[in-house]
């Protein structure tokens, strides 16, 4: 399976029912990283920053070969250090306006967007890539209607930076996402079962 254009989005809660949840989570990340994805986005937004940083250190130690993107915690990125950071749009705007020094040294700065005007704003705040969604219905956000491939195309045409689709993406849907103009896609739970056969 070619994952060279896929960003793996972590979710440790997918393994809460395992006997050893963190061990199962890290084992999954190791297995899926062996499939050579474009990057690994450590999106564990419900953690305290100190705990998140400790987890990021464990993930980097176990998986040194895949580019790691930290999420929501610019200070943790500086301390690790990690020069790849992803932020919700509102947080990106706030930091850019109030504490821009927190973003110094980022070689890759991403933002999550859900509308075309948000995409344009994110780029104006310095985003070097975007994650746009949700493209399909997803269990991550039950009840939220899919924005669809036409929305993805509009975002891709509105900005000059790479756009990665998110929301209900599976390996089978990846080709149509790329045809819509995306640079790639994000997958959260679609590979959990496939990785077990590795």
C-alpha atoms as a PDB file:
ATOM      1  CA  UNK A   1       0.000   0.000   0.000  1.00  0.00           C
ATOM      2  CA  UNK A   2       1.458   3.349  -1.068  1.00  0.00           C
ATOM      3  CA  UNK A   3       1.111   5.864   1.752  1.00  0.00           C
ATOM      4  CA  UNK A   4       3.663   8.351   0.432  1.00  0.00           C
ATOM      5  CA  UNK A   5       0.949  11.016   0.149  1.00  0.00           C
ATOM      6  CA  UNK A   6      -0.788  10.168   3.416  1.00  0.00           C
ATOM      7  CA  UNK A   7      -0.421  11.895   6.781  1.00  0.00           C
ATOM      8  CA  UNK A   8      -1.215   9.473   9.587  1.00  0.00           C
ATOM      9  CA  UNK A   9      -3.260  11.235  12.289  1.00  0.00           C
ATOM     10  CA  UNK A  10      -2.865   9.675  15.719  1.00  0.00           C
ATOM     11  CA  UNK A  11      -5.680   8.907  18.141  1.00  0.00           C
ATOM     12  CA  UNK A  12      -4.580   6.950  21.189  1.00  0.00           C
ATOM     13  CA  UNK A  13      -8.225   6.542  22.273  1.00  0.00           C
ATOM     14  CA  UNK A  14      -8.722   3.993  19.498  1.00  0.00           C
ATOM     15  CA  UNK A  15      -6.789   1.639  21.793  1.00  0.00           C
ATOM     16  CA  UNK A  16      -8.509   2.412  25.105  1.00  0.00           C
ATOM     17  CA  UNK A  17     -10.029  -1.087  25.223  1.00  0.00           C
ATOM     18  CA  UNK A  18      -6.670  -2.832  24.914  1.00  0.00           C
ATOM     19  CA  UNK A  19      -5.079  -4.410  27.969  1.00  0.00           C
ATOM     20  CA  UNK A  20      -2.126  -2.033  27.629  1.00  0.00           C
ATOM     21  CA  UNK A  21      -3.495   0.978  25.709  1.00  0.00           C
ATOM     22  CA  UNK A  22      -0.300   2.975  25.240  1.00  0.00           C
ATOM     23  CA  UNK A  23       1.724  -0.078  24.244  1.00  0.00           C
ATOM     24  CA  UNK A  24      -0.931  -0.970  21.656  1.00  0.00           C
ATOM     25  CA  UNK A  25      -1.011   2.627  20.420  1.00  0.00           C
ATOM     26  CA  UNK A  26       2.765   2.833  19.991  1.00  0.00           C
ATOM     27  CA  UNK A  27       2.863  -0.598  18.359  1.00  0.00           C
ATOM     28  CA  UNK A  28       0.245   0.560  15.840  1.00  0.00           C
ATOM     29  CA  UNK A  29       2.247   3.696  15.046  1.00  0.00           C
ATOM     30  CA  UNK A  30       5.341   1.564  14.488  1.00  0.00           C
ATOM     31  CA  UNK A  31       3.479  -0.778  12.144  1.00  0.00           C
ATOM     32  CA  UNK A  32       1.855   1.954  10.099  1.00  0.00           C
ATOM     33  CA  UNK A  33       5.118   3.921   9.951  1.00  0.00           C
ATOM     34  CA  UNK A  34       6.731   0.879   8.351  1.00  0.00           C
ATOM     35  CA  UNK A  35       4.372   1.585   5.421  1.00  0.00           C
ATOM     36  CA  UNK A  36       6.331   4.829   4.812  1.00  0.00           C
ATOM     37  CA  UNK A  37       3.648   7.520   5.148  1.00  0.00           C
ATOM     38  CA  UNK A  38       4.338  11.147   4.259  1.00  0.00           C
ATOM     39  CA  UNK A  39       4.269  12.128   7.948  1.00  0.00           C
ATOM     40  CA  UNK A  40       2.816  11.338  11.356  1.00  0.00           C
ATOM     41  CA  UNK A  41       0.622  14.002  12.977  1.00  0.00           C
ATOM     42  CA  UNK A  42       0.516  13.520  16.744  1.00  0.00           C
ATOM     43  CA  UNK A  43      -2.968  14.909  17.386  1.00  0.00           C
ATOM     44  CA  UNK A  44      -3.712  14.266  21.052  1.00  0.00           C
ATOM     45  CA  UNK A  45      -5.415  17.544  21.882  1.00  0.00           C
ATOM     46  CA  UNK A  46      -6.963  16.392  25.169  1.00  0.00           C
ATOM     47  CA  UNK A  47      -3.586  15.887  26.851  1.00  0.00           C
ATOM     48  CA  UNK A  48      -1.852  18.340  29.147  1.00  0.00           C
ATOM     49  CA  UNK A  49       1.161  19.837  27.424  1.00  0.00           C
ATOM     50  CA  UNK A  50       3.684  18.179  29.743  1.00  0.00           C
ATOM     51  CA  UNK A  51       2.141  14.753  29.113  1.00  0.00           C
ATOM     52  CA  UNK A  52       1.935  15.463  25.390  1.00  0.00           C
ATOM     53  CA  UNK A  53       5.626  16.359  25.252  1.00  0.00           C
ATOM     54  CA  UNK A  54       6.534  13.154  27.084  1.00  0.00           C
ATOM     55  CA  UNK A  55       4.463  11.150  24.595  1.00  0.00           C
ATOM     56  CA  UNK A  56       6.070  12.965  21.665  1.00  0.00           C
ATOM     57  CA  UNK A  57       9.493  11.986  22.989  1.00  0.00           C
ATOM     58  CA  UNK A  58       8.441   8.331  23.209  1.00  0.00           C
ATOM     59  CA  UNK A  59       6.969   8.410  19.702  1.00  0.00           C
ATOM     60  CA  UNK A  60      10.095   9.995  18.214  1.00  0.00           C
ATOM     61  CA  UNK A  61      12.317   7.439  19.955  1.00  0.00           C
ATOM     62  CA  UNK A  62      10.243   4.542  18.611  1.00  0.00           C
ATOM     63  CA  UNK A  63       9.716   5.986  15.124  1.00  0.00           C
ATOM     64  CA  UNK A  64      12.698   8.109  14.108  1.00  0.00           C
ATOM     65  CA  UNK A  65      12.365   7.541  10.358  1.00  0.00           C
ATOM     66  CA  UNK A  66       8.978   9.220   9.696  1.00  0.00           C
ATOM     67  CA  UNK A  67       8.586  13.027   9.824  1.00  0.00           C
ATOM     68  CA  UNK A  68       6.763  13.945  13.033  1.00  0.00           C
ATOM     69  CA  UNK A  69       4.292  16.842  13.182  1.00  0.00           C
ATOM     70  CA  UNK A  70       3.250  18.157  16.581  1.00  0.00           C
ATOM     71  CA  UNK A  71      -0.274  19.507  17.078  1.00  0.00           C
ATOM     72  CA  UNK A  72      -1.540  22.483  19.120  1.00  0.00           C
ATOM     73  CA  UNK A  73       1.514  22.829  21.392  1.00  0.00           C
ATOM     74  CA  UNK A  74       4.148  25.202  19.958  1.00  0.00           C
ATOM     75  CA  UNK A  75       6.174  25.240  23.190  1.00  0.00           C
ATOM     76  CA  UNK A  76       6.386  21.446  23.145  1.00  0.00           C
ATOM     77  CA  UNK A  77       7.591  21.650  19.548  1.00  0.00           C
ATOM     78  CA  UNK A  78      10.361  24.034  20.573  1.00  0.00           C
ATOM     79  CA  UNK A  79      11.388  21.886  23.524  1.00  0.00           C
ATOM     80  CA  UNK A  80      11.440  18.531  21.718  1.00  0.00           C
ATOM     81  CA  UNK A  81      12.607  20.093  19.317  1.00  0.00           C
ATOM     82  CA  UNK A  82      10.381  19.553  16.283  1.00  0.00           C
ATOM     83  CA  UNK A  83      10.247  21.986  13.365  1.00  0.00           C
ATOM     84  CA  UNK A  84       6.886  20.743  12.079  1.00  0.00           C
ATOM     85  CA  UNK A  85       3.772  22.140  13.756  1.00  0.00           C
ATOM     86  CA  UNK A  86       0.045  21.992  13.032  1.00  0.00           C
ATOM     87  CA  UNK A  87      -2.507  24.347  14.601  1.00  0.00           C
ATOM     88  CA  UNK A  88      -6.240  24.986  14.542  1.00  0.00           C
ATOM     89  CA  UNK A  89      -6.825  28.177  12.561  1.00  0.00           C
ATOM     90  CA  UNK A  90      -7.955  30.233  15.566  1.00  0.00           C
ATOM     91  CA  UNK A  91      -4.829  29.277  17.503  1.00  0.00           C
ATOM     92  CA  UNK A  92      -2.592  30.025  14.524  1.00  0.00           C
ATOM     93  CA  UNK A  93      -4.119  33.510  14.262  1.00  0.00           C
ATOM     94  CA  UNK A  94      -3.794  34.135  17.995  1.00  0.00           C
ATOM     95  CA  UNK A  95      -0.149  33.091  18.135  1.00  0.00           C
ATOM     96  CA  UNK A  96       0.728  35.010  14.974  1.00  0.00           C
ATOM     97  CA  UNK A  97      -0.796  38.172  16.450  1.00  0.00           C
ATOM     98  CA  UNK A  98       0.295  37.816  20.092  1.00  0.00           C
ATOM     99  CA  UNK A  99       3.382  35.567  20.287  1.00  0.00           C
ATOM    100  CA  UNK A 100       4.875  35.152  16.809  1.00  0.00           C
ATOM    101  CA  UNK A 101       8.220  34.084  18.281  1.00  0.00           C
ATOM    102  CA  UNK A 102       6.601  30.733  19.156  1.00  0.00           C
ATOM    103  CA  UNK A 103       6.471  29.977  15.430  1.00  0.00           C
ATOM    104  CA  UNK A 104      10.093  30.802  14.701  1.00  0.00           C
ATOM    105  CA  UNK A 105      12.044  27.850  13.403  1.00  0.00           C
ATOM    106  CA  UNK A 106       9.039  26.033  11.921  1.00  0.00           C
ATOM    107  CA  UNK A 107       9.998  24.577   8.575  1.00  0.00           C
ATOM    108  CA  UNK A 108       6.430  23.325   8.119  1.00  0.00           C
ATOM    109  CA  UNK A 109       3.423  25.105   9.613  1.00  0.00           C
ATOM    110  CA  UNK A 110      -0.020  23.667   8.988  1.00  0.00           C
ATOM    111  CA  UNK A 111      -3.562  24.753   9.769  1.00  0.00           C
ATOM    112  CA  UNK A 112      -6.948  23.036   9.821  1.00  0.00           C
ATOM    113  CA  UNK A 113      -9.645  24.686   7.710  1.00  0.00           C
ATOM    114  CA  UNK A 114     -13.332  24.034   7.045  1.00  0.00           C
ATOM    115  CA  UNK A 115     -14.187  26.763   4.526  1.00  0.00           C
ATOM    116  CA  UNK A 116     -12.552  28.416   1.531  1.00  0.00           C
ATOM    117  CA  UNK A 117     -12.220  31.771   3.287  1.00  0.00           C
ATOM    118  CA  UNK A 118     -10.547  30.028   6.217  1.00  0.00           C
ATOM    119  CA  UNK A 119      -8.011  28.534   3.818  1.00  0.00           C
ATOM    120  CA  UNK A 120      -7.140  31.961   2.451  1.00  0.00           C
ATOM    121  CA  UNK A 121      -6.836  33.385   5.971  1.00  0.00           C
ATOM    122  CA  UNK A 122      -4.623  30.512   7.127  1.00  0.00           C
ATOM    123  CA  UNK A 123      -2.171  31.139   4.306  1.00  0.00           C
ATOM    124  CA  UNK A 124      -2.136  34.849   5.159  1.00  0.00           C
ATOM    125  CA  UNK A 125      -1.092  33.859   8.698  1.00  0.00           C
ATOM    126  CA  UNK A 126       1.831  31.859   7.349  1.00  0.00           C
ATOM    127  CA  UNK A 127       0.483  28.334   6.899  1.00  0.00           C
ATOM    128  CA  UNK A 128       2.675  26.369   4.509  1.00  0.00           C
ATOM    129  CA  UNK A 129       0.099  23.585   4.074  1.00  0.00           C
ATOM    130  CA  UNK A 130      -3.559  23.017   4.989  1.00  0.00           C
ATOM    131  CA  UNK A 131      -5.714  20.155   6.177  1.00  0.00           C
ATOM    132  CA  UNK A 132      -9.247  20.610   4.840  1.00  0.00           C
ATOM    133  CA  UNK A 133     -12.325  18.683   5.835  1.00  0.00           C
ATOM    134  CA  UNK A 134     -14.390  16.910   6.523  1.00  0.00           C
ATOM    135  CA  UNK A 135     -14.586  15.575   2.977  1.00  0.00           C
ATOM    136  CA  UNK A 136     -16.683  12.478   3.741  1.00  0.00           C
ATOM    137  CA  UNK A 137     -18.827  11.589   6.731  1.00  0.00           C
ATOM    138  CA  UNK A 138     -16.628  10.338   9.538  1.00  0.00           C
ATOM    139  CA  UNK A 139     -17.054   8.557  12.833  1.00  0.00           C
ATOM    140  CA  UNK A 140     -14.697  11.114  14.341  1.00  0.00           C
ATOM    141  CA  UNK A 141     -17.451  13.735  13.999  1.00  0.00           C
ATOM    142  CA  UNK A 142     -20.788  11.881  13.976  1.00  0.00           C
ATOM    143  CA  UNK A 143     -23.716  13.821  12.563  1.00  0.00           C
ATOM    144  CA  UNK A 144     -21.537  16.324  10.717  1.00  0.00           C
ATOM    145  CA  UNK A 145     -22.415  16.413   7.016  1.00  0.00           C
ATOM    146  CA  UNK A 146     -19.650  15.755   4.514  1.00  0.00           C
ATOM    147  CA  UNK A 147     -18.377  18.830   2.684  1.00  0.00           C
ATOM    148  CA  UNK A 148     -17.553  16.773  -0.384  1.00  0.00           C
ATOM    149  CA  UNK A 149     -15.002  16.718  -3.162  1.00  0.00           C
ATOM    150  CA  UNK A 150     -16.258  19.958  -4.726  1.00  0.00           C
ATOM    151  CA  UNK A 151     -15.394  21.768  -1.489  1.00  0.00           C
ATOM    152  CA  UNK A 152     -11.931  20.211  -1.584  1.00  0.00           C
ATOM    153  CA  UNK A 153     -11.409  21.384  -5.159  1.00  0.00           C
ATOM    154  CA  UNK A 154     -12.477  24.926  -4.239  1.00  0.00           C
ATOM    155  CA  UNK A 155      -9.971  25.038  -1.384  1.00  0.00           C
ATOM    156  CA  UNK A 156      -7.169  23.697  -3.565  1.00  0.00           C
ATOM    157  CA  UNK A 157      -7.891  26.298  -6.240  1.00  0.00           C
ATOM    158  CA  UNK A 158      -8.054  29.149  -3.720  1.00  0.00           C
ATOM    159  CA  UNK A 159      -4.552  28.733  -2.279  1.00  0.00           C
ATOM    160  CA  UNK A 160      -1.038  28.062  -3.534  1.00  0.00           C
ATOM    161  CA  UNK A 161       0.042  25.749  -0.697  1.00  0.00           C
ATOM    162  CA  UNK A 162      -0.475  21.973  -0.517  1.00  0.00           C
ATOM    163  CA  UNK A 163      -3.872  20.853   0.763  1.00  0.00           C
ATOM    164  CA  UNK A 164      -4.462  17.520   2.501  1.00  0.00           C
ATOM    165  CA  UNK A 165      -7.983  16.133   2.734  1.00  0.00           C
ATOM    166  CA  UNK A 166      -9.340  14.766   6.002  1.00  0.00           C
ATOM    167  CA  UNK A 167     -12.548  13.088   7.122  1.00  0.00           C
ATOM    168  CA  UNK A 168     -13.582   9.581   6.147  1.00  0.00           C
ATOM    169  CA  UNK A 169     -10.535   9.035   3.939  1.00  0.00           C
ATOM    170  CA  UNK A 170      -9.702   5.418   3.113  1.00  0.00           C
ATOM    171  CA  UNK A 171      -7.047   3.977   0.811  1.00  0.00           C
ATOM    172  CA  UNK A 172      -9.831   3.316  -1.712  1.00  0.00           C
ATOM    173  CA  UNK A 173     -10.906   6.973  -1.687  1.00  0.00           C
ATOM    174  CA  UNK A 174      -7.413   8.390  -1.986  1.00  0.00           C
ATOM    175  CA  UNK A 175      -7.325   8.457  -5.826  1.00  0.00           C
ATOM    176  CA  UNK A 176     -10.465  10.620  -6.089  1.00  0.00           C
ATOM    177  CA  UNK A 177      -9.129  12.971  -3.429  1.00  0.00           C
ATOM    178  CA  UNK A 178      -5.938  13.413  -5.444  1.00  0.00           C
ATOM    179  CA  UNK A 179      -7.955  13.945  -8.626  1.00  0.00           C
ATOM    180  CA  UNK A 180      -9.825  16.744  -6.829  1.00  0.00           C
ATOM    181  CA  UNK A 181      -6.506  18.566  -6.488  1.00  0.00           C
ATOM    182  CA  UNK A 182      -5.284  17.570  -3.033  1.00  0.00           C
ATOM    183  CA  UNK A 183      -1.598  16.982  -2.399  1.00  0.00           C
ATOM    184  CA  UNK A 184      -2.585  14.039  -0.243  1.00  0.00           C
ATOM    185  CA  UNK A 185      -4.865  12.956   2.562  1.00  0.00           C
ATOM    186  CA  UNK A 186      -4.999  12.311   6.283  1.00  0.00           C
ATOM    187  CA  UNK A 187      -6.069   8.972   7.748  1.00  0.00           C
ATOM    188  CA  UNK A 188      -6.919   8.407  11.386  1.00  0.00           C
ATOM    189  CA  UNK A 189      -8.648   5.061  11.836  1.00  0.00           C
ATOM    190  CA  UNK A 190      -8.729   3.612   8.303  1.00  0.00           C
ATOM    191  CA  UNK A 191      -5.441   1.752   8.730  1.00  0.00           C
ATOM    192  CA  UNK A 192      -5.880   0.290  12.223  1.00  0.00           C
ATOM    193  CA  UNK A 193      -7.108  -3.060  10.931  1.00  0.00           C
ATOM    194  CA  UNK A 194      -4.888  -3.160   7.847  1.00  0.00           C
ATOM    195  CA  UNK A 195      -1.776  -2.583   9.962  1.00  0.00           C
ATOM    196  CA  UNK A 196      -2.427  -5.690  12.050  1.00  0.00           C
ATOM    197  CA  UNK A 197      -1.590  -7.912   9.088  1.00  0.00           C
ATOM    198  CA  UNK A 198       1.913  -6.469   8.769  1.00  0.00           C
END
